[in-house]
Protein backbone atom coordinates (compact mmCIF):
# COMPACT_ATOMS: atom_id res chain seq x y z
CA MET A 1 23.50 10.26 15.96
CA ILE A 2 22.97 12.79 12.95
CA SER A 3 25.05 15.65 13.18
CA ALA A 4 24.02 18.18 10.58
CA GLN A 5 22.26 21.50 10.08
CA ASN A 6 18.52 21.25 10.95
CA LEU A 7 16.05 22.24 8.38
CA GLN A 8 13.59 24.63 10.25
CA GLN A 9 10.88 25.04 7.56
CA ARG A 10 8.10 22.58 7.16
CA LEU A 11 5.91 22.15 3.92
CA SER A 12 3.70 24.37 5.80
CA GLY A 13 3.54 28.11 5.14
CA ASN A 14 6.67 27.94 3.08
CA LYS A 15 6.41 25.14 0.82
CA LEU A 16 8.99 26.62 -1.28
CA ALA A 17 11.42 25.15 1.09
CA PHE A 18 10.54 21.73 -0.34
CA SER A 19 10.46 22.57 -3.54
CA PHE A 20 14.01 23.95 -3.15
CA LEU A 21 14.96 20.70 -1.51
CA LEU A 22 13.88 18.63 -4.47
CA ALA A 23 15.38 20.94 -6.80
CA ALA A 24 18.60 21.01 -5.34
CA GLY A 25 18.51 17.36 -5.09
CA ILE A 26 19.56 17.14 -1.36
CA ILE A 27 19.21 13.79 0.40
CA LEU A 28 16.78 14.15 3.25
CA LEU A 29 17.41 12.32 6.68
CA VAL A 30 14.92 12.43 9.47
CA SER A 31 15.62 11.19 13.02
CA CYS A 32 12.86 10.48 15.37
CA SER A 33 15.48 12.09 18.12
CA THR A 34 15.63 15.36 16.58
CA LYS A 35 12.01 15.52 15.05
CA LYS A 36 13.08 17.92 12.08
CA PRO A 37 14.21 16.85 8.33
CA VAL A 38 18.00 17.07 8.24
CA LEU A 39 20.27 18.21 5.29
CA ILE A 40 23.25 16.31 4.56
CA THR A 41 25.65 16.82 1.66
CA PRO A 42 27.11 13.88 -0.35
CA GLU A 43 30.66 13.91 1.44
CA ASP A 44 28.58 13.55 4.80
CA THR A 45 27.13 10.07 3.41
CA ASP A 46 30.68 8.21 3.65
CA LYS A 47 30.42 5.82 6.32
CA THR A 48 33.46 3.71 5.13
CA ALA A 49 35.67 4.92 7.80
CA VAL A 50 37.32 2.06 10.22
CA ALA A 51 38.34 2.46 13.46
CA GLU A 52 41.82 1.00 14.46
CA ASP A 53 42.72 -0.65 17.69
CA SER A 54 46.72 -0.48 17.90
CA ASN A 55 46.85 -2.65 21.09
CA VAL A 56 45.45 -5.80 19.42
CA PRO A 57 48.46 -7.81 18.62
CA ASP A 58 49.20 -8.99 15.05
CA THR A 59 48.59 -12.75 15.26
CA GLY A 60 48.52 -13.39 11.58
CA TYR A 61 45.03 -15.00 11.93
CA PRO A 62 41.91 -12.91 11.47
CA PRO A 63 40.45 -11.20 14.88
CA MET A 64 38.14 -13.20 16.51
CA ASP A 65 34.53 -12.15 17.35
CA THR A 66 33.97 -11.66 21.30
CA VAL A 67 31.85 -14.26 22.25
CA GLN A 68 28.95 -13.11 24.75
CA TRP A 69 27.06 -15.49 26.80
CA ASN A 70 23.55 -14.59 28.02
CA GLU A 71 21.81 -16.78 30.97
CA ILE A 72 18.16 -17.41 30.42
CA ASP A 73 16.24 -18.02 33.51
CA LEU A 74 14.04 -21.13 32.83
CA SER A 75 10.79 -20.01 34.01
CA ASP A 76 7.54 -19.50 32.91
CA ASP A 77 9.03 -16.60 30.66
CA TYR A 78 11.25 -18.88 28.81
CA GLU A 79 9.40 -18.97 25.79
CA ASN A 80 8.99 -15.26 25.75
CA VAL A 81 12.69 -14.62 26.08
CA ILE A 82 13.59 -17.14 23.29
CA GLU A 83 10.91 -15.24 21.13
CA GLU A 84 12.89 -11.63 22.05
CA LEU A 85 16.22 -13.05 20.91
CA ALA A 86 14.94 -14.43 17.53
CA MET A 87 13.35 -11.01 16.94
CA ASN A 88 16.72 -9.22 16.29
CA LYS A 89 15.91 -6.04 18.13
CA LYS A 90 17.84 -3.05 17.88
CA GLU A 91 18.57 0.21 19.76
CA SER A 92 17.88 2.22 16.49
CA TYR A 93 16.60 1.27 13.02
CA SER A 94 17.86 2.54 9.74
CA VAL A 95 14.95 2.85 7.18
CA LYS A 96 15.33 4.25 3.50
CA LEU A 97 12.53 5.73 1.87
CA PHE A 98 12.61 5.59 -1.81
CA PHE A 99 10.05 8.25 -3.04
CA PRO A 100 8.98 8.75 -6.47
CA PHE A 101 9.27 12.49 -6.64
CA GLU A 102 10.69 12.45 -10.05
CA LYS A 103 11.94 16.12 -9.64
CA ASP A 104 13.71 16.21 -13.00
CA ASN A 105 10.14 15.75 -15.05
CA ASN A 106 8.07 17.72 -12.74
CA LYS A 107 7.28 21.46 -12.66
CA LEU A 108 8.60 22.42 -9.02
CA SER A 109 5.53 24.61 -8.72
CA ASP A 110 3.12 21.57 -8.58
CA VAL A 111 4.34 20.94 -4.98
CA ASN A 112 1.44 23.31 -3.79
CA GLN A 113 -1.17 21.40 -6.11
CA SER A 114 -2.28 18.15 -4.41
CA GLU A 115 -3.78 17.23 -7.76
CA THR A 116 -0.43 16.73 -9.19
CA LYS A 117 1.89 13.95 -8.91
CA LEU A 118 4.50 16.23 -6.87
CA GLY A 119 1.88 17.63 -5.05
CA ARG A 120 0.68 14.42 -4.04
CA MET A 121 3.78 13.13 -2.81
CA ALA A 122 4.52 16.46 -0.87
CA GLN A 123 1.17 15.43 0.95
CA TYR A 124 2.66 11.81 1.35
CA TYR A 125 5.96 13.19 2.58
CA ALA A 126 4.29 15.24 5.09
CA GLY A 127 2.11 12.76 6.19
CA VAL A 128 5.39 10.41 6.91
CA LEU A 129 6.73 13.52 9.13
CA LEU A 130 3.85 13.56 11.36
CA ALA A 131 4.13 9.89 12.07
CA LEU A 132 7.82 10.13 12.62
CA GLU A 133 6.72 12.80 15.40
CA GLN A 134 4.25 10.27 16.71
CA LEU A 135 6.71 7.38 16.84
CA GLU A 136 9.19 9.91 18.51
CA ASN A 137 6.74 10.29 21.34
CA GLU A 138 6.13 6.56 21.71
CA GLY A 139 9.88 6.33 22.20
CA VAL A 140 10.69 4.84 18.73
CA ASN A 141 14.25 5.56 17.32
CA LEU A 142 14.45 5.39 13.89
CA ASP A 143 16.73 7.24 11.35
CA VAL A 144 14.99 7.76 7.96
CA GLU A 145 16.81 8.77 4.78
CA VAL A 146 14.61 10.09 2.01
CA LEU A 147 15.72 9.65 -1.57
CA ASP A 148 14.03 10.31 -4.95
CA ALA A 149 13.94 7.04 -6.95
CA GLU A 150 13.01 8.43 -10.28
CA SER A 151 15.69 11.29 -10.69
CA GLY A 152 19.70 10.83 -10.55
CA ASN A 153 21.12 7.72 -10.61
CA PHE A 154 18.96 4.78 -9.33
CA ASP A 155 21.66 1.83 -9.16
CA LEU A 156 23.97 4.31 -7.39
CA LYS A 157 21.30 5.20 -4.50
CA LEU A 158 20.11 1.38 -4.26
CA GLN A 159 23.84 0.39 -3.41
CA SER A 160 24.14 3.08 -0.91
CA MET A 161 21.59 1.31 1.13
CA LYS A 162 23.42 -1.78 1.90
CA ASP A 163 23.20 -0.62 5.61
CA ALA A 164 19.54 -0.50 5.75
CA ASP A 165 17.27 -2.21 7.87
CA VAL A 166 14.07 -1.64 6.12
CA ILE A 167 13.68 -0.01 2.36
CA ILE A 168 10.44 1.56 1.51
CA GLY A 169 9.21 1.80 -2.00
CA PRO A 170 9.88 2.55 -4.84
CA ARG A 171 6.73 3.26 -6.84
CA ASN A 172 7.74 2.17 -10.07
CA THR A 173 7.21 -1.40 -10.67
CA ASP A 174 10.56 -2.51 -12.53
CA GLN A 175 12.46 -0.56 -9.93
CA LEU A 176 10.52 -2.34 -7.28
CA ALA A 177 11.25 -5.66 -8.53
CA VAL A 178 15.15 -4.60 -8.41
CA VAL A 179 14.96 -3.44 -4.88
CA ALA A 180 13.00 -6.39 -3.96
CA ASP A 181 15.67 -8.85 -5.33
CA PHE A 182 18.15 -6.46 -3.75
CA GLY A 183 16.77 -6.85 -0.26
CA LYS A 184 16.59 -10.57 -0.63
CA VAL A 185 20.27 -11.05 -1.44
CA ASN A 186 21.43 -8.37 1.27
CA GLU A 187 18.74 -9.69 4.05
CA ILE A 188 17.08 -6.21 4.15
CA VAL A 189 13.17 -5.68 4.47
CA VAL A 190 11.69 -4.30 1.50
CA VAL A 191 8.22 -2.75 2.25
CA SER A 192 6.03 -1.92 -1.02
CA PRO A 193 3.20 0.62 -0.04
CA TRP A 194 2.26 1.50 -3.38
CA LYS A 195 2.40 -1.69 -5.66
CA SER A 196 1.48 -5.27 -5.12
CA GLY A 197 1.84 -8.38 -7.72
CA SER A 198 2.53 -11.87 -7.39
CA ARG A 199 5.44 -11.87 -10.04
CA ILE A 200 7.55 -8.66 -8.39
CA SER A 201 9.68 -10.90 -6.47
CA ASN A 202 9.36 -14.84 -5.71
CA GLY A 203 11.02 -16.83 -3.00
CA ASN A 204 11.59 -13.70 -1.07
CA PRO A 205 10.83 -13.68 2.71
CA PHE A 206 11.89 -10.12 3.14
CA PHE A 207 9.68 -8.55 0.80
CA VAL A 208 6.21 -6.90 2.25
CA GLN A 209 3.12 -5.53 0.08
CA LEU A 210 0.78 -3.50 1.77
CA LYS A 211 -1.52 -3.23 -0.98
CA THR A 212 -4.04 -5.76 -1.58
CA GLY A 213 -3.64 -7.92 -5.03
CA LEU A 214 -6.15 -8.24 -7.99
CA VAL A 215 -7.09 -11.54 -7.05
CA GLU A 216 -8.07 -10.95 -3.64
CA HIS A 217 -10.18 -8.15 -4.95
CA TYR A 218 -11.59 -10.55 -7.05
CA GLU A 219 -12.35 -13.21 -4.36
CA LYS A 220 -13.72 -10.39 -1.67
CA MET A 221 -16.31 -9.26 -4.37
CA VAL A 222 -17.26 -12.53 -5.76
CA ARG A 223 -18.04 -13.95 -2.02
CA HIS A 224 -19.62 -11.01 -0.92
CA ALA A 225 -21.99 -11.20 -4.26
CA LEU A 226 -22.75 -14.83 -3.63
CA ASP A 227 -23.26 -14.61 0.18
CA ASN A 228 -26.02 -11.63 -0.34
CA HIS A 229 -27.52 -12.67 -3.75
CA GLU A 230 -29.33 -15.54 -5.30
CA LEU A 231 -26.94 -17.18 -7.76
CA GLU A 232 -29.53 -16.99 -10.67
CA HIS A 233 -29.55 -13.21 -9.96
CA ILE A 234 -25.93 -12.36 -10.49
CA VAL A 235 -24.68 -11.51 -14.22
CA LEU A 236 -20.96 -11.13 -14.74
CA LEU A 237 -20.16 -8.16 -17.31
CA GLY A 238 -17.42 -7.68 -19.84
CA ARG A 239 -16.50 -7.14 -23.46
CA LYS A 240 -15.49 -9.44 -26.23
CA GLN A 241 -11.76 -8.61 -25.59
CA LYS A 242 -9.07 -10.68 -24.47
CA ALA A 243 -8.21 -8.64 -21.24
CA ASP A 244 -11.78 -8.93 -20.24
CA VAL A 245 -12.37 -12.73 -21.07
CA ASN A 246 -9.38 -13.29 -18.91
CA TYR A 247 -10.98 -11.38 -15.90
CA MET A 248 -14.25 -13.15 -16.51
CA ARG A 249 -12.45 -16.63 -16.53
CA LEU A 250 -10.91 -15.68 -13.32
CA ILE A 251 -13.71 -14.84 -11.56
CA GLN A 252 -15.69 -17.86 -12.87
CA SER A 253 -12.95 -19.94 -10.97
CA ILE A 254 -13.22 -18.05 -7.92
CA ALA A 255 -17.12 -18.58 -8.17
CA SER A 256 -16.75 -22.19 -8.81
CA GLY A 257 -14.40 -22.94 -6.09
CA TYR A 258 -16.08 -21.04 -3.43
CA LEU A 259 -19.46 -22.97 -4.50
CA SER A 260 -17.88 -26.13 -4.48
CA SER A 261 -19.12 -26.53 -8.01
CA ASP A 262 -18.36 -28.67 -10.87
CA SER A 263 -19.15 -26.11 -13.47
CA ARG A 264 -16.55 -23.96 -15.06
CA LYS A 265 -19.26 -21.08 -15.48
CA PRO A 266 -21.49 -20.98 -12.45
CA LEU A 267 -22.21 -16.83 -12.91
CA ARG A 268 -24.30 -15.90 -15.61
CA GLU A 269 -22.21 -13.75 -18.14
CA LEU A 270 -23.39 -10.78 -20.46
CA PHE A 271 -21.03 -9.41 -22.99
CA VAL A 272 -21.93 -5.85 -23.65
CA ASP A 273 -21.29 -3.79 -26.86
CA GLU A 274 -19.49 -0.55 -26.57
CA ASP A 275 -21.39 1.20 -29.35
CA SER A 276 -24.67 -0.27 -27.86
CA LEU A 277 -23.82 2.10 -24.53
CA ILE A 278 -23.24 5.15 -26.51
CA THR A 279 -25.41 5.03 -29.39
CA GLY A 280 -27.77 2.45 -28.88
CA GLU A 281 -31.47 2.41 -27.62
CA THR A 282 -30.61 -0.44 -25.21
CA ALA A 283 -27.65 -2.05 -23.88
CA PHE A 284 -28.98 -4.68 -21.45
CA ASP A 285 -32.15 -5.41 -23.37
CA SER A 286 -34.59 -7.57 -21.08
CA ILE A 287 -32.05 -8.97 -18.81
CA PHE A 288 -33.49 -6.92 -15.76
CA ILE A 289 -35.96 -9.11 -13.52
CA GLU A 290 -38.20 -6.77 -11.95
CA GLU A 291 -39.73 -8.68 -8.99
CA ASP A 292 -36.01 -9.50 -7.67
CA THR A 293 -32.75 -7.56 -6.87
CA ASN A 294 -30.32 -7.79 -10.13
CA CYS A 295 -26.67 -8.30 -9.08
CA PHE A 296 -24.02 -7.21 -11.60
CA ILE A 297 -20.31 -7.67 -11.27
CA LEU A 298 -18.28 -5.23 -13.23
CA PRO A 299 -14.64 -6.65 -13.06
CA HIS A 300 -12.62 -3.83 -14.81
CA TRP A 301 -9.87 -1.77 -12.84
CA SER A 302 -7.63 -0.06 -15.44
CA PHE A 303 -8.02 3.71 -16.01
CA SER A 304 -6.51 3.63 -19.51
CA ALA A 305 -7.95 0.89 -20.65
CA ASP A 306 -11.58 0.84 -18.91
CA GLU A 307 -12.61 4.28 -17.41
CA ASP A 308 -14.82 4.98 -20.16
CA PHE A 309 -16.52 1.71 -20.49
CA VAL A 310 -17.11 1.58 -16.82
CA TYR A 311 -18.75 5.03 -16.66
CA ASN A 312 -20.93 4.30 -19.90
CA VAL A 313 -21.94 0.77 -18.12
CA ALA A 314 -23.28 2.53 -15.11
CA ARG A 315 -24.95 5.41 -16.79
CA LYS A 316 -26.62 3.07 -19.15
CA MET A 317 -27.66 0.70 -16.79
CA SER A 318 -28.75 3.47 -14.32
CA GLY A 319 -30.87 4.71 -17.34
CA GLU A 320 -32.49 1.42 -18.47
CA LYS A 321 -33.26 -0.32 -15.15
CA GLY A 322 -36.30 2.00 -14.64
CA VAL A 323 -37.64 0.89 -10.89
CA THR A 324 -35.95 -2.23 -10.85
CA ASP A 325 -33.64 -2.89 -7.80
CA VAL A 326 -29.82 -3.28 -9.00
CA VAL A 327 -26.50 -3.66 -6.92
CA LEU A 328 -23.42 -2.92 -9.18
CA TYR A 329 -20.40 -4.63 -7.84
CA GLY A 330 -16.98 -3.02 -8.74
CA MET A 331 -13.49 -2.20 -8.31
CA PRO A 332 -11.86 0.89 -6.86
CA ILE A 333 -12.11 2.71 -10.08
CA LEU A 334 -15.91 3.11 -9.34
CA PHE A 335 -14.67 5.08 -6.27
CA GLU A 336 -11.82 7.15 -8.04
CA SER A 337 -13.09 8.01 -11.15
CA ASP A 338 -14.11 11.73 -11.54
CA LYS A 339 -16.80 10.62 -13.93
CA ILE A 340 -18.68 8.38 -11.58
CA ARG A 341 -21.12 10.87 -9.87
CA PHE A 342 -23.23 10.34 -6.70
CA GLU A 343 -26.46 9.94 -8.42
CA LEU A 344 -24.89 6.63 -10.11
CA PHE A 345 -23.79 5.61 -6.54
CA ARG A 346 -27.22 5.73 -5.10
CA SER A 347 -29.14 4.58 -8.35
CA LEU A 348 -27.25 1.51 -8.68
CA ASN A 349 -26.62 0.80 -4.75
CA MET A 350 -22.94 0.30 -5.53
CA ARG A 351 -20.60 -2.19 -3.57
CA ILE A 352 -16.92 -1.06 -4.27
CA VAL A 353 -13.96 -3.28 -3.21
CA ARG A 354 -11.03 -1.00 -1.91
CA SER A 355 -8.10 -1.47 0.17
CA SER A 356 -8.67 2.02 1.89
CA TYR A 357 -11.30 4.58 2.79
CA VAL A 358 -10.93 7.72 4.95
CA ASP A 359 -14.33 8.25 6.76
CA ARG A 360 -14.25 11.94 7.60
CA ASN A 361 -16.77 11.23 10.60
CA SER A 362 -14.19 9.01 12.56
CA PRO A 363 -12.63 10.50 15.88
CA GLY A 364 -9.28 9.32 14.73
CA VAL A 365 -9.25 11.18 11.21
CA LYS A 366 -10.76 14.27 12.79
CA GLU A 367 -8.09 14.76 15.07
CA PHE A 368 -5.48 14.09 12.24
CA ARG A 369 -6.89 16.63 10.30
CA GLN A 370 -6.67 19.25 12.92
CA LYS A 371 -3.12 18.46 13.40
CA TYR A 372 -2.31 18.42 9.87
CA PHE A 373 -3.83 21.75 9.27
CA GLY A 374 -1.98 23.15 12.43
CA GLU A 375 1.35 22.15 10.92
CA TYR A 376 0.98 22.78 7.29
CA ASN A 377 -2.08 25.01 7.06
CA ASP A 378 -3.58 22.77 4.46
CA PHE A 379 -6.06 19.97 4.42
CA PRO A 380 -4.61 16.58 4.22
CA VAL A 381 -5.56 14.45 0.94
CA ASP A 382 -5.76 10.34 0.82
CA GLU A 383 -1.81 10.23 0.72
CA ALA A 384 -1.17 11.77 3.81
CA TYR A 385 -3.28 9.44 5.83
CA GLU A 386 -1.75 6.89 3.70
CA ALA A 387 1.70 7.54 4.50
CA TYR A 388 0.75 8.31 8.25
CA ASP A 389 -0.49 4.85 8.73
CA MET A 390 2.38 3.25 6.65
CA MET A 391 5.01 4.86 8.85
CA LEU A 392 3.21 4.35 12.12
CA PHE A 393 2.93 0.82 11.34
CA ILE A 394 6.54 0.11 10.10
CA GLY A 395 7.99 1.96 12.96
CA ARG A 396 5.81 0.09 15.70
CA SER A 397 6.45 -3.15 14.16
CA LEU A 398 10.17 -2.52 14.26
CA GLU A 399 9.71 -1.52 18.09
CA ARG A 400 7.66 -4.61 18.91
CA PHE A 401 9.31 -7.19 16.85
CA GLY A 402 12.67 -6.22 15.45
CA LEU A 403 14.44 -6.94 12.42
CA SER A 404 12.49 -10.10 11.93
CA PHE A 405 8.87 -8.17 12.10
CA PRO A 406 7.22 -9.21 8.66
CA HIS A 407 7.23 -12.86 10.62
CA TYR A 408 5.24 -11.59 13.49
CA LEU A 409 2.49 -9.44 11.66
CA ASP A 410 -0.03 -12.23 11.00
CA ARG A 411 -0.74 -12.42 14.81
CA GLU A 412 -3.15 -9.58 14.58
CA ILE A 413 -4.97 -7.28 12.31
CA THR A 414 -4.12 -3.55 12.86
CA PRO A 415 -6.73 -0.96 12.51
CA MET A 416 -5.30 2.70 10.95
CA LEU A 417 -7.25 6.00 9.68
CA GLN A 418 -7.40 4.85 6.15
CA THR A 419 -7.17 0.83 6.25
CA HIS A 420 -6.36 -2.17 8.24
CA TYR A 421 -3.08 -4.03 8.07
CA ASP A 422 -3.89 -8.01 7.82
CA ILE A 423 -0.65 -9.27 6.91
CA ARG A 424 -0.41 -12.75 5.72
CA ARG A 425 2.33 -15.14 4.47
CA VAL A 426 2.02 -16.13 0.81
CA TYR A 427 3.31 -19.42 -0.47
CA ASP A 428 4.36 -20.84 -3.65
CA ASP A 429 2.08 -23.70 -4.26
CA THR A 430 2.77 -25.02 -0.64
CA GLU A 431 1.34 -25.47 2.57
CA ASN A 432 4.52 -25.16 4.77
CA ASP A 433 5.39 -23.10 6.97
CA ASP A 434 9.14 -23.24 6.40
CA PHE A 435 10.88 -19.98 6.05
CA GLU A 436 12.36 -20.99 2.56
CA ASP A 437 8.97 -21.36 0.90
CA ILE A 438 7.49 -17.71 1.82
CA ASP A 439 7.08 -16.10 -1.55
CA TYR A 440 6.24 -12.84 0.21
CA PHE A 441 4.03 -11.21 2.93
CA GLN A 442 0.90 -9.30 1.67
CA ASN A 443 -1.95 -7.29 3.30
CA GLN A 444 -5.27 -9.16 2.68
CA HIS A 445 -7.66 -6.53 4.10
CA LEU A 446 -10.55 -4.95 1.94
CA PHE A 447 -13.31 -3.29 2.82
CA ILE A 448 -16.82 -3.25 0.98
CA LEU A 449 -18.18 0.40 0.38
CA SER A 450 -21.57 0.77 0.07
CA PHE A 451 -23.39 4.02 -0.51
CA GLU A 452 -26.09 4.56 2.27
CA ASP A 453 -27.80 7.67 2.99
CA ASP A 454 -25.89 9.80 0.65
CA ARG A 455 -22.32 8.86 2.04
CA PHE A 456 -20.03 5.67 2.01
CA ILE A 457 -19.85 3.19 4.49
CA ALA A 458 -16.66 0.79 4.82
CA ARG A 459 -17.52 -2.56 5.91
């Protein structure tokens, strides 16, 4: 049990309390048994004290561990008992959260602004707190320590986590690679709620990625397009740039495999000149087939490299298509960019591949919004839903499956408020189920968002 001064203020009515915590650089501990965040000082974190028993004789040999025998009833429940033992369950679990607050480089007043990085992370933190309250109501016992990964001494903070059962984060890719390898060496499960990638950590059965990867997005998009449209009506769009050519080559490979085709390029391709999108009379020439639905795939995803291009493609296509039916498939940037307006969603019948979506009309979301507003006098943004789902999922998984929980997550798909968790094992060019062959675990769930009746529908 943590013995320390309770912090009574929430992010609610007095968000300055949270700003103060960030400014002071204080470690936050949250216990499901106390419900409130708890402040501790650096000297409170020293857990190196060793209990000595003066009644143990000095034999000159290292002390032996006490051997305990458990009798197992060889009945119909035998397999269940064996499985329970393999799960390595505990009464309480230590969870370390590595958050990207970056308090040293952010204005602390931004904590009140949900459009800023610090404001979004404040919402994320608030979602975690609500999840911990729910977990306490369910009887899940967690001790959660929250640290800023992007301020102070990162390596020192990481080394203090050797007693953790689970580490969540960080967000920075380079830091995440270090933490994932740290988890692999120390046999600590590391959960990445923000980043995914096949090269972050390899041969690591302790690494769980909750975000779906780029290749999986392309696979979902290509398969959905091929299942719903004629092959000759599908056109892959891109620029004559190295990155675009690589995207297009990957998508063609996915399409070829899905179709069991010998062709290296089963999809039609159109290289779009960026100048024609802005100053040209036309950019798509006579590519539209008036009597049929025209399907386009736009594989671009980067805000820094692609946002203007994606917007101009959508704007120009909408203006040129006339009365022709068009379906435009794209990545999450189509949904997330402030430049893309509802009239473009509607005009181009967009199909957007995305791992999460908050349906404000669902009963669960309405209940969460009401609870969040009651706690914090504010409405939640996507980060709050994401954090709530993440923390509930990890806490419940620990309670059900113990420290070995990643190896049991592929038994079922878990629907949450803003996503589903469909965790699968990813192997490195093998078909084996051997423990050593697991590269990492990754969520495979993706929605196809379609704009229907002036609202998005996730399927």
